[in-house]
């Protein structure tokens, strides 16, 4: 994201999907039409955090570089600088892969 002027706001997170395997464990090649979109990605950028009722900004739990799992229908797909990315709220992320 260093080559773009995009900065997510509030509790938004920008995620790049991790490509799924082209073959099954048994060696069968999966055509593009049969593949499901991966639900795993890498966090590219994060917003500063959401404000609580008193106006204090609560920092996000994820940071750029984290590998995360998210819901099948999470986020909004966008194209920035030729890259397909997702913008979602931090609450759409189910967890960080250690």
PDB file of N, CA and C in Angstrom:
ATOM      1  N   UNK A   1       0.823  -1.187   0.000  1.00  0.00           N
ATOM      2  CA  UNK A   1       0.000   0.000   0.000  1.00  0.00           C
ATOM      3  C   UNK A   1       0.873   1.260   0.000  1.00  0.00           C
ATOM      4  N   UNK A   2       2.176   1.113   0.052  1.00  0.00           N
ATOM      5  CA  UNK A   2       3.049   2.277   0.092  1.00  0.00           C
ATOM      6  C   UNK A   2       2.956   3.094  -1.193  1.00  0.00           C
ATOM      7  N   UNK A   3       2.538   2.474  -2.302  1.00  0.00           N
ATOM      8  CA  UNK A   3       2.470   3.179  -3.576  1.00  0.00           C
ATOM      9  C   UNK A   3       1.094   3.776  -3.849  1.00  0.00           C
ATOM     10  N   UNK A   4       0.223   3.810  -2.866  1.00  0.00           N
ATOM     11  CA  UNK A   4      -1.106   4.377  -3.047  1.00  0.00           C
ATOM     12  C   UNK A   4      -1.384   5.419  -1.973  1.00  0.00           C
ATOM     13  N   UNK A   5      -2.349   6.275  -2.256  1.00  0.00           N
ATOM     14  CA  UNK A   5      -2.705   7.310  -1.294  1.00  0.00           C
ATOM     15  C   UNK A   5      -3.945   6.925  -0.509  1.00  0.00           C
ATOM     16  N   UNK A   6      -4.270   5.653  -0.433  1.00  0.00           N
ATOM     17  CA  UNK A   6      -5.469   5.196   0.264  1.00  0.00           C
ATOM     18  C   UNK A   6      -5.151   4.874   1.714  1.00  0.00           C
ATOM     19  N   UNK A   7      -5.965   5.403   2.624  1.00  0.00           N
ATOM     20  CA  UNK A   7      -5.815   5.144   4.058  1.00  0.00           C
ATOM     21  C   UNK A   7      -7.195   4.804   4.606  1.00  0.00           C
ATOM     22  N   UNK A   8      -7.374   3.610   5.171  1.00  0.00           N
ATOM     23  CA  UNK A   8      -8.686   3.256   5.718  1.00  0.00           C
ATOM     24  C   UNK A   8      -9.013   4.096   6.953  1.00  0.00           C
ATOM     25  N   UNK A   9     -10.294   4.349   7.142  1.00  0.00           N
ATOM     26  CA  UNK A   9     -10.746   5.157   8.275  1.00  0.00           C
ATOM     27  C   UNK A   9     -11.337   4.280   9.368  1.00  0.00           C
ATOM     28  N   UNK A  10     -11.380   4.814  10.573  1.00  0.00           N
ATOM     29  CA  UNK A  10     -12.023   4.196  11.742  1.00  0.00           C
ATOM     30  C   UNK A  10     -11.557   2.758  11.946  1.00  0.00           C
ATOM     31  N   UNK A  11     -12.498   1.811  12.021  1.00  0.00           N
ATOM     32  CA  UNK A  11     -12.128   0.414  12.285  1.00  0.00           C
ATOM     33  C   UNK A  11     -12.121  -0.414  11.006  1.00  0.00           C
ATOM     34  N   UNK A  12     -11.801   0.223   9.877  1.00  0.00           N
ATOM     35  CA  UNK A  12     -11.738  -0.483   8.601  1.00  0.00           C
ATOM     36  C   UNK A  12     -10.349  -1.094   8.410  1.00  0.00           C
ATOM     37  N   UNK A  13     -10.320  -2.223   7.696  1.00  0.00           N
ATOM     38  CA  UNK A  13      -9.083  -2.957   7.433  1.00  0.00           C
ATOM     39  C   UNK A  13      -9.045  -3.290   5.953  1.00  0.00           C
ATOM     40  N   UNK A  14      -7.887  -3.134   5.315  1.00  0.00           N
ATOM     41  CA  UNK A  14      -7.705  -3.519   3.914  1.00  0.00           C
ATOM     42  C   UNK A  14      -6.989  -4.863   3.896  1.00  0.00           C
ATOM     43  N   UNK A  15      -7.586  -5.847   3.195  1.00  0.00           N
ATOM     44  CA  UNK A  15      -7.059  -7.215   3.171  1.00  0.00           C
ATOM     45  C   UNK A  15      -6.845  -7.659   1.735  1.00  0.00           C
ATOM     46  N   UNK A  16      -5.721  -8.318   1.492  1.00  0.00           N
ATOM     47  CA  UNK A  16      -5.440  -8.935   0.195  1.00  0.00           C
ATOM     48  C   UNK A  16      -5.674 -10.423   0.348  1.00  0.00           C
ATOM     49  N   UNK A  17      -6.554 -10.984  -0.473  1.00  0.00           N
ATOM     50  CA  UNK A  17      -6.835 -12.424  -0.398  1.00  0.00           C
ATOM     51  C   UNK A  17      -5.586 -13.238  -0.708  1.00  0.00           C
ATOM     52  N   UNK A  18      -5.439 -14.368  -0.008  1.00  0.00           N
ATOM     53  CA  UNK A  18      -4.363 -15.313  -0.290  1.00  0.00           C
ATOM     54  C   UNK A  18      -4.926 -16.308  -1.290  1.00  0.00           C
ATOM     55  N   UNK A  19      -4.218 -16.522  -2.375  1.00  0.00           N
ATOM     56  CA  UNK A  19      -4.712 -17.420  -3.417  1.00  0.00           C
ATOM     57  C   UNK A  19      -4.789 -18.851  -2.911  1.00  0.00           C
ATOM     58  N   UNK A  20      -5.849 -19.541  -3.304  1.00  0.00           N
ATOM     59  CA  UNK A  20      -6.038 -20.939  -2.893  1.00  0.00           C
ATOM     60  C   UNK A  20      -5.234 -21.866  -3.786  1.00  0.00           C
ATOM     61  N   UNK A  21      -5.135 -23.098  -3.346  1.00  0.00           N
ATOM     62  CA  UNK A  21      -4.373 -24.102  -4.082  1.00  0.00           C
ATOM     63  C   UNK A  21      -5.032 -24.395  -5.427  1.00  0.00           C
ATOM     64  N   UNK A  22      -4.196 -24.657  -6.421  1.00  0.00           N
ATOM     65  CA  UNK A  22      -4.685 -25.007  -7.758  1.00  0.00           C
ATOM     66  C   UNK A  22      -5.036 -26.490  -7.855  1.00  0.00           C
ATOM     67  N   UNK A  23      -4.494 -27.310  -6.918  1.00  0.00           N
ATOM     68  CA  UNK A  23      -4.703 -28.761  -6.952  1.00  0.00           C
ATOM     69  C   UNK A  23      -5.173 -29.254  -5.597  1.00  0.00           C
ATOM     70  N   UNK A  24      -5.887 -30.360  -5.606  1.00  0.00           N
ATOM     71  CA  UNK A  24      -6.260 -31.018  -4.360  1.00  0.00           C
ATOM     72  C   UNK A  24      -5.079 -31.841  -3.876  1.00  0.00           C
ATOM     73  N   UNK A  25      -5.181 -32.381  -2.677  1.00  0.00           N
ATOM     74  CA  UNK A  25      -4.107 -33.217  -2.130  1.00  0.00           C
ATOM     75  C   UNK A  25      -3.866 -34.448  -3.003  1.00  0.00           C
ATOM     76  N   UNK A  26      -4.901 -34.916  -3.673  1.00  0.00           N
ATOM     77  CA  UNK A  26      -4.785 -36.090  -4.545  1.00  0.00           C
ATOM     78  C   UNK A  26      -4.248 -35.772  -5.920  1.00  0.00           C
ATOM     79  N   UNK A  27      -4.013 -34.484  -6.220  1.00  0.00           N
ATOM     80  CA  UNK A  27      -3.428 -34.107  -7.497  1.00  0.00           C
ATOM     81  C   UNK A  27      -4.433 -33.658  -8.545  1.00  0.00           C
ATOM     82  N   UNK A  28      -5.702 -33.564  -8.190  1.00  0.00           N
ATOM     83  CA  UNK A  28      -6.710 -33.121  -9.155  1.00  0.00           C
ATOM     84  C   UNK A  28      -6.633 -31.601  -9.275  1.00  0.00           C
ATOM     85  N   UNK A  29      -6.541 -31.122 -10.524  1.00  0.00           N
ATOM     86  CA  UNK A  29      -6.464 -29.681 -10.767  1.00  0.00           C
ATOM     87  C   UNK A  29      -7.874 -29.101 -10.718  1.00  0.00           C
ATOM     88  N   UNK A  30      -8.028 -28.031  -9.953  1.00  0.00           N
ATOM     89  CA  UNK A  30      -9.329 -27.383  -9.779  1.00  0.00           C
ATOM     90  C   UNK A  30      -9.447 -26.240 -10.782  1.00  0.00           C
ATOM     91  N   UNK A  31     -10.446 -26.275 -11.672  1.00  0.00           N
ATOM     92  CA  UNK A  31     -10.607 -25.164 -12.625  1.00  0.00           C
ATOM     93  C   UNK A  31     -11.085 -23.899 -11.916  1.00  0.00           C
ATOM     94  N   UNK A  32     -10.791 -22.733 -12.502  1.00  0.00           N
ATOM     95  CA  UNK A  32     -11.177 -21.457 -11.901  1.00  0.00           C
ATOM     96  C   UNK A  32     -12.667 -21.361 -11.636  1.00  0.00           C
ATOM     97  N   UNK A  33     -13.483 -21.959 -12.499  1.00  0.00           N
ATOM     98  CA  UNK A  33     -14.933 -21.864 -12.344  1.00  0.00           C
ATOM     99  C   UNK A  33     -15.440 -22.631 -11.137  1.00  0.00           C
ATOM    100  N   UNK A  34     -14.685 -23.616 -10.645  1.00  0.00           N
ATOM    101  CA  UNK A  34     -15.114 -24.432  -9.514  1.00  0.00           C
ATOM    102  C   UNK A  34     -14.524 -23.968  -8.182  1.00  0.00           C
ATOM    103  N   UNK A  35     -13.557 -23.058  -8.247  1.00  0.00           N
ATOM    104  CA  UNK A  35     -12.899 -22.608  -7.021  1.00  0.00           C
ATOM    105  C   UNK A  35     -13.769 -21.622  -6.265  1.00  0.00           C
ATOM    106  N   UNK A  36     -13.747 -21.739  -4.935  1.00  0.00           N
ATOM    107  CA  UNK A  36     -14.396 -20.740  -4.096  1.00  0.00           C
ATOM    108  C   UNK A  36     -13.364 -19.681  -3.753  1.00  0.00           C
ATOM    109  N   UNK A  37     -13.846 -18.479  -3.491  1.00  0.00           N
ATOM    110  CA  UNK A  37     -12.930 -17.418  -3.103  1.00  0.00           C
ATOM    111  C   UNK A  37     -12.332 -17.760  -1.746  1.00  0.00           C
ATOM    112  N   UNK A  38     -11.032 -17.561  -1.601  1.00  0.00           N
ATOM    113  CA  UNK A  38     -10.404 -17.871  -0.308  1.00  0.00           C
ATOM    114  C   UNK A  38     -10.924 -16.973   0.796  1.00  0.00           C
ATOM    115  N   UNK A  39     -10.976 -17.533   2.002  1.00  0.00           N
ATOM    116  CA  UNK A  39     -11.422 -16.791   3.172  1.00  0.00           C
ATOM    117  C   UNK A  39     -10.247 -16.463   4.071  1.00  0.00           C
ATOM    118  N   UNK A  40      -9.089 -16.443   3.476  1.00  0.00           N
ATOM    119  CA  UNK A  40      -7.860 -16.134   4.204  1.00  0.00           C
ATOM    120  C   UNK A  40      -7.161 -15.015   3.459  1.00  0.00           C
ATOM    121  N   UNK A  41      -6.555 -14.108   4.213  1.00  0.00           N
ATOM    122  CA  UNK A  41      -5.868 -13.009   3.562  1.00  0.00           C
ATOM    123  C   UNK A  41      -4.813 -12.389   4.447  1.00  0.00           C
ATOM    124  N   UNK A  42      -4.124 -11.421   3.861  1.00  0.00           N
ATOM    125  CA  UNK A  42      -3.084 -10.691   4.578  1.00  0.00           C
ATOM    126  C   UNK A  42      -3.537  -9.242   4.734  1.00  0.00           C
ATOM    127  N   UNK A  43      -3.428  -8.734   5.945  1.00  0.00           N
ATOM    128  CA  UNK A  43      -3.804  -7.348   6.212  1.00  0.00           C
ATOM    129  C   UNK A  43      -2.770  -6.438   5.559  1.00  0.00           C
ATOM    130  N   UNK A  44      -3.251  -5.509   4.737  1.00  0.00           N
ATOM    131  CA  UNK A  44      -2.379  -4.585   4.023  1.00  0.00           C
ATOM    132  C   UNK A  44      -2.302  -3.244   4.758  1.00  0.00           C
ATOM    133  N   UNK A  45      -3.451  -2.775   5.262  1.00  0.00           N
ATOM    134  CA  UNK A  45      -3.487  -1.490   5.977  1.00  0.00           C
ATOM    135  C   UNK A  45      -4.642  -1.502   6.971  1.00  0.00           C
ATOM    136  N   UNK A  46      -4.514  -0.736   8.035  1.00  0.00           N
ATOM    137  CA  UNK A  46      -5.575  -0.641   9.047  1.00  0.00           C
ATOM    138  C   UNK A  46      -5.841   0.829   9.362  1.00  0.00           C
ATOM    139  N   UNK A  47      -7.077   1.105   9.757  1.00  0.00           N
ATOM    140  CA  UNK A  47      -7.444   2.446  10.193  1.00  0.00           C
ATOM    141  C   UNK A  47      -6.961   2.681  11.614  1.00  0.00           C
ATOM    142  N   UNK A  48      -7.151   3.903  12.122  1.00  0.00           N
ATOM    143  CA  UNK A  48      -6.674   4.235  13.465  1.00  0.00           C
ATOM    144  C   UNK A  48      -7.471   3.580  14.577  1.00  0.00           C
ATOM    145  N   UNK A  49      -8.726   3.192  14.315  1.00  0.00           N
ATOM    146  CA  UNK A  49      -9.565   2.567  15.338  1.00  0.00           C
ATOM    147  C   UNK A  49     -10.898   3.272  15.456  1.00  0.00           C
ATOM    148  N   UNK A  50     -11.823   2.635  16.142  1.00  0.00           N
ATOM    149  CA  UNK A  50     -13.165   3.190  16.332  1.00  0.00           C
ATOM    150  C   UNK A  50     -13.194   4.044  17.598  1.00  0.00           C
ATOM    151  N   UNK A  51     -14.066   5.022  17.607  1.00  0.00           N
ATOM    152  CA  UNK A  51     -14.237   5.865  18.795  1.00  0.00           C
ATOM    153  C   UNK A  51     -15.332   5.282  19.672  1.00  0.00           C
ATOM    154  N   UNK A  52     -15.096   5.325  20.993  1.00  0.00           N
ATOM    155  CA  UNK A  52     -16.139   4.882  21.924  1.00  0.00           C
ATOM    156  C   UNK A  52     -17.041   6.070  22.272  1.00  0.00           C
ATOM    157  N   UNK A  53     -17.971   5.871  23.181  1.00  0.00           N
ATOM    158  CA  UNK A  53     -18.946   6.914  23.532  1.00  0.00           C
ATOM    159  C   UNK A  53     -18.307   8.175  24.108  1.00  0.00           C
ATOM    160  N   UNK A  54     -17.153   8.011  24.744  1.00  0.00           N
ATOM    161  CA  UNK A  54     -16.489   9.180  25.334  1.00  0.00           C
ATOM    162  C   UNK A  54     -15.580   9.894  24.328  1.00  0.00           C
ATOM    163  N   UNK A  55     -15.448   9.352  23.112  1.00  0.00           N
ATOM    164  CA  UNK A  55     -14.623   9.974  22.082  1.00  0.00           C
ATOM    165  C   UNK A  55     -13.212   9.438  22.006  1.00  0.00           C
ATOM    166  N   UNK A  56     -12.857   8.502  22.886  1.00  0.00           N
ATOM    167  CA  UNK A  56     -11.517   7.916  22.887  1.00  0.00           C
ATOM    168  C   UNK A  56     -11.393   6.914  21.735  1.00  0.00           C
ATOM    169  N   UNK A  57     -10.266   6.947  21.031  1.00  0.00           N
ATOM    170  CA  UNK A  57     -10.016   6.022  19.923  1.00  0.00           C
ATOM    171  C   UNK A  57      -9.468   4.712  20.482  1.00  0.00           C
ATOM    172  N   UNK A  58     -10.136   3.604  20.158  1.00  0.00           N
ATOM    173  CA  UNK A  58      -9.677   2.277  20.569  1.00  0.00           C
ATOM    174  C   UNK A  58      -8.923   1.649  19.408  1.00  0.00           C
ATOM    175  N   UNK A  59      -7.637   1.382  19.598  1.00  0.00           N
ATOM    176  CA  UNK A  59      -6.804   0.822  18.545  1.00  0.00           C
ATOM    177  C   UNK A  59      -7.293  -0.563  18.143  1.00  0.00           C
ATOM    178  N   UNK A  60      -6.991  -0.953  16.901  1.00  0.00           N
ATOM    179  CA  UNK A  60      -7.407  -2.258  16.390  1.00  0.00           C
ATOM    180  C   UNK A  60      -6.461  -3.355  16.883  1.00  0.00           C
ATOM    181  N   UNK A  61      -6.974  -4.598  16.909  1.00  0.00           N
ATOM    182  CA  UNK A  61      -6.169  -5.748  17.334  1.00  0.00           C
ATOM    183  C   UNK A  61      -5.296  -6.296  16.219  1.00  0.00           C
ATOM    184  N   UNK A  62      -5.633  -5.992  14.952  1.00  0.00           N
ATOM    185  CA  UNK A  62      -4.844  -6.491  13.825  1.00  0.00           C
ATOM    186  C   UNK A  62      -3.914  -5.393  13.336  1.00  0.00           C
ATOM    187  N   UNK A  63      -2.846  -5.814  12.658  1.00  0.00           N
ATOM    188  CA  UNK A  63      -1.895  -4.856  12.102  1.00  0.00           C
ATOM    189  C   UNK A  63      -1.478  -5.323  10.707  1.00  0.00           C
ATOM    190  N   UNK A  64      -0.897  -4.449   9.951  1.00  0.00           N
ATOM    191  CA  UNK A  64      -0.437  -4.778   8.603  1.00  0.00           C
ATOM    192  C   UNK A  64       0.527  -5.961   8.673  1.00  0.00           C
ATOM    193  N   UNK A  65       0.338  -6.920   7.778  1.00  0.00           N
ATOM    194  CA  UNK A  65       1.187  -8.111   7.742  1.00  0.00           C
ATOM    195  C   UNK A  65       0.560  -9.327   8.394  1.00  0.00           C
ATOM    196  N   UNK A  66      -0.480  -9.153   9.220  1.00  0.00           N
ATOM    197  CA  UNK A  66      -1.162 -10.283   9.867  1.00  0.00           C
ATOM    198  C   UNK A  66      -1.909 -11.117   8.822  1.00  0.00           C
ATOM    199  N   UNK A  67      -1.883 -12.440   8.987  1.00  0.00           N
ATOM    200  CA  UNK A  67      -2.716 -13.338   8.165  1.00  0.00           C
ATOM    201  C   UNK A  67      -3.993 -13.587   8.947  1.00  0.00           C
ATOM    202  N   UNK A  68      -5.121 -13.385   8.297  1.00  0.00           N
ATOM    203  CA  UNK A  68      -6.403 -13.451   8.990  1.00  0.00           C
ATOM    204  C   UNK A  68      -7.397 -14.337   8.246  1.00  0.00           C
ATOM    205  N   UNK A  69      -8.394 -14.802   8.990  1.00  0.00           N
ATOM    206  CA  UNK A  69      -9.536 -15.517   8.422  1.00  0.00           C
ATOM    207  C   UNK A  69     -10.754 -14.609   8.547  1.00  0.00           C
ATOM    208  N   UNK A  70     -11.581 -14.609   7.502  1.00  0.00           N
ATOM    209  CA  UNK A  70     -12.777 -13.775   7.511  1.00  0.00           C
ATOM    210  C   UNK A  70     -13.928 -14.529   6.878  1.00  0.00           C
ATOM    211  N   UNK A  71     -15.135 -14.025   7.059  1.00  0.00           N
ATOM    212  CA  UNK A  71     -16.330 -14.678   6.549  1.00  0.00           C
ATOM    213  C   UNK A  71     -16.394 -14.675   5.039  1.00  0.00           C
ATOM    214  N   UNK A  72     -17.150 -15.623   4.507  1.00  0.00           N
ATOM    215  CA  UNK A  72     -17.276 -15.809   3.064  1.00  0.00           C
ATOM    216  C   UNK A  72     -17.776 -14.555   2.350  1.00  0.00           C
ATOM    217  N   UNK A  73     -18.691 -13.839   2.960  1.00  0.00           N
ATOM    218  CA  UNK A  73     -19.304 -12.671   2.321  1.00  0.00           C
ATOM    219  C   UNK A  73     -18.839 -11.364   2.954  1.00  0.00           C
ATOM    220  N   UNK A  74     -17.720 -11.394   3.664  1.00  0.00           N
ATOM    221  CA  UNK A  74     -17.221 -10.206   4.359  1.00  0.00           C
ATOM    222  C   UNK A  74     -16.602  -9.197   3.398  1.00  0.00           C
ATOM    223  N   UNK A  75     -16.752  -7.948   3.735  1.00  0.00           N
ATOM    224  CA  UNK A  75     -16.039  -6.880   3.055  1.00  0.00           C
ATOM    225  C   UNK A  75     -16.605  -6.461   1.713  1.00  0.00           C
ATOM    226  N   UNK A  76     -16.000  -5.419   1.192  1.00  0.00           N
ATOM    227  CA  UNK A  76     -16.338  -4.863  -0.113  1.00  0.00           C
ATOM    228  C   UNK A  76     -15.118  -4.999  -1.007  1.00  0.00           C
ATOM    229  N   UNK A  77     -15.303  -5.596  -2.177  1.00  0.00           N
ATOM    230  CA  UNK A  77     -14.184  -5.780  -3.098  1.00  0.00           C
ATOM    231  C   UNK A  77     -13.900  -4.488  -3.835  1.00  0.00           C
ATOM    232  N   UNK A  78     -12.624  -4.102  -3.864  1.00  0.00           N
ATOM    233  CA  UNK A  78     -12.186  -2.904  -4.582  1.00  0.00           C
ATOM    234  C   UNK A  78     -10.921  -3.233  -5.357  1.00  0.00           C
ATOM    235  N   UNK A  79     -10.615  -2.399  -6.345  1.00  0.00           N
ATOM    236  CA  UNK A  79      -9.377  -2.559  -7.103  1.00  0.00           C
ATOM    237  C   UNK A  79      -8.580  -1.270  -6.930  1.00  0.00           C
ATOM    238  N   UNK A  80      -7.407  -1.380  -6.309  1.00  0.00           N
ATOM    239  CA  UNK A  80      -6.514  -0.238  -6.110  1.00  0.00           C
ATOM    240  C   UNK A  80      -5.169  -0.550  -6.735  1.00  0.00           C
ATOM    241  N   UNK A  81      -4.707   0.328  -7.615  1.00  0.00           N
ATOM    242  CA  UNK A  81      -3.416   0.137  -8.297  1.00  0.00           C
ATOM    243  C   UNK A  81      -3.303  -1.241  -8.940  1.00  0.00           C
ATOM    244  N   UNK A  82      -4.404  -1.727  -9.513  1.00  0.00           N
ATOM    245  CA  UNK A  82      -4.394  -3.013 -10.205  1.00  0.00           C
ATOM    246  C   UNK A  82      -4.482  -4.220  -9.293  1.00  0.00           C
ATOM    247  N   UNK A  83      -4.590  -4.018  -7.995  1.00  0.00           N
ATOM    248  CA  UNK A  83      -4.696  -5.130  -7.045  1.00  0.00           C
ATOM    249  C   UNK A  83      -6.137  -5.284  -6.596  1.00  0.00           C
ATOM    250  N   UNK A  84      -6.609  -6.537  -6.526  1.00  0.00           N
ATOM    251  CA  UNK A  84      -7.932  -6.809  -5.976  1.00  0.00           C
ATOM    252  C   UNK A  84      -7.810  -6.908  -4.466  1.00  0.00           C
ATOM    253  N   UNK A  85      -8.515  -6.038  -3.755  1.00  0.00           N
ATOM    254  CA  UNK A  85      -8.434  -5.978  -2.304  1.00  0.00           C
ATOM    255  C   UNK A  85      -9.833  -5.992  -1.706  1.00  0.00           C
ATOM    256  N   UNK A  86      -9.909  -6.242  -0.408  1.00  0.00           N
ATOM    257  CA  UNK A  86     -11.159  -6.187   0.336  1.00  0.00           C
ATOM    258  C   UNK A  86     -11.028  -5.115   1.413  1.00  0.00           C
ATOM    259  N   UNK A  87     -12.097  -4.334   1.582  1.00  0.00           N
ATOM    260  CA  UNK A  87     -12.159  -3.394   2.703  1.00  0.00           C
ATOM    261  C   UNK A  87     -13.271  -3.889   3.602  1.00  0.00           C
ATOM    262  N   UNK A  88     -12.935  -4.147   4.874  1.00  0.00           N
ATOM    263  CA  UNK A  88     -13.927  -4.683   5.813  1.00  0.00           C
ATOM    264  C   UNK A  88     -13.725  -4.065   7.183  1.00  0.00           C
ATOM    265  N   UNK A  89     -14.726  -4.209   8.014  1.00  0.00           N
ATOM    266  CA  UNK A  89     -14.592  -3.779   9.410  1.00  0.00           C
ATOM    267  C   UNK A  89     -13.798  -4.837  10.160  1.00  0.00           C
ATOM    268  N   UNK A  90     -13.122  -4.414  11.201  1.00  0.00           N
ATOM    269  CA  UNK A  90     -12.348  -5.366  11.995  1.00  0.00           C
ATOM    270  C   UNK A  90     -13.253  -6.465  12.566  1.00  0.00           C
ATOM    271  N   UNK A  91     -14.493  -6.146  12.842  1.00  0.00           N
ATOM    272  CA  UNK A  91     -15.407  -7.143  13.409  1.00  0.00           C
ATOM    273  C   UNK A  91     -15.748  -8.265  12.421  1.00  0.00           C
ATOM    274  N   UNK A  92     -15.487  -8.056  11.107  1.00  0.00           N
ATOM    275  CA  UNK A  92     -15.702  -9.112  10.106  1.00  0.00           C
ATOM    276  C   UNK A  92     -14.584 -10.157  10.129  1.00  0.00           C
ATOM    277  N   UNK A  93     -13.470  -9.833  10.783  1.00  0.00           N
ATOM    278  CA  UNK A  93     -12.337 -10.750  10.865  1.00  0.00           C
ATOM    279  C   UNK A  93     -12.582 -11.705  12.021  1.00  0.00           C
ATOM    280  N   UNK A  94     -12.472 -13.017  11.716  1.00  0.00           N
ATOM    281  CA  UNK A  94     -12.742 -14.035  12.743  1.00  0.00           C
ATOM    282  C   UNK A  94     -11.530 -14.327  13.610  1.00  0.00           C
ATOM    283  N   UNK A  95     -10.330 -14.151  13.067  1.00  0.00           N
ATOM    284  CA  UNK A  95      -9.148 -14.415  13.863  1.00  0.00           C
ATOM    285  C   UNK A  95      -7.864 -14.225  13.072  1.00  0.00           C
ATOM    286  N   UNK A  96      -6.763 -14.180  13.807  1.00  0.00           N
ATOM    287  CA  UNK A  96      -5.427 -14.034  13.235  1.00  0.00           C
ATOM    288  C   UNK A  96      -4.749 -15.403  13.251  1.00  0.00           C
ATOM    289  N   UNK A  97      -4.120 -15.773  12.144  1.00  0.00           N
ATOM    290  CA  UNK A  97      -3.386 -17.048  12.057  1.00  0.00           C
ATOM    291  C   UNK A  97      -1.987 -16.813  12.572  1.00  0.00           C
ATOM    292  N   UNK A  98      -1.603 -17.569  13.589  1.00  0.00           N
ATOM    293  CA  UNK A  98      -0.277 -17.397  14.207  1.00  0.00           C
ATOM    294  C   UNK A  98       0.801 -18.085  13.399  1.00  0.00           C
TER     295      UNK A  98
END
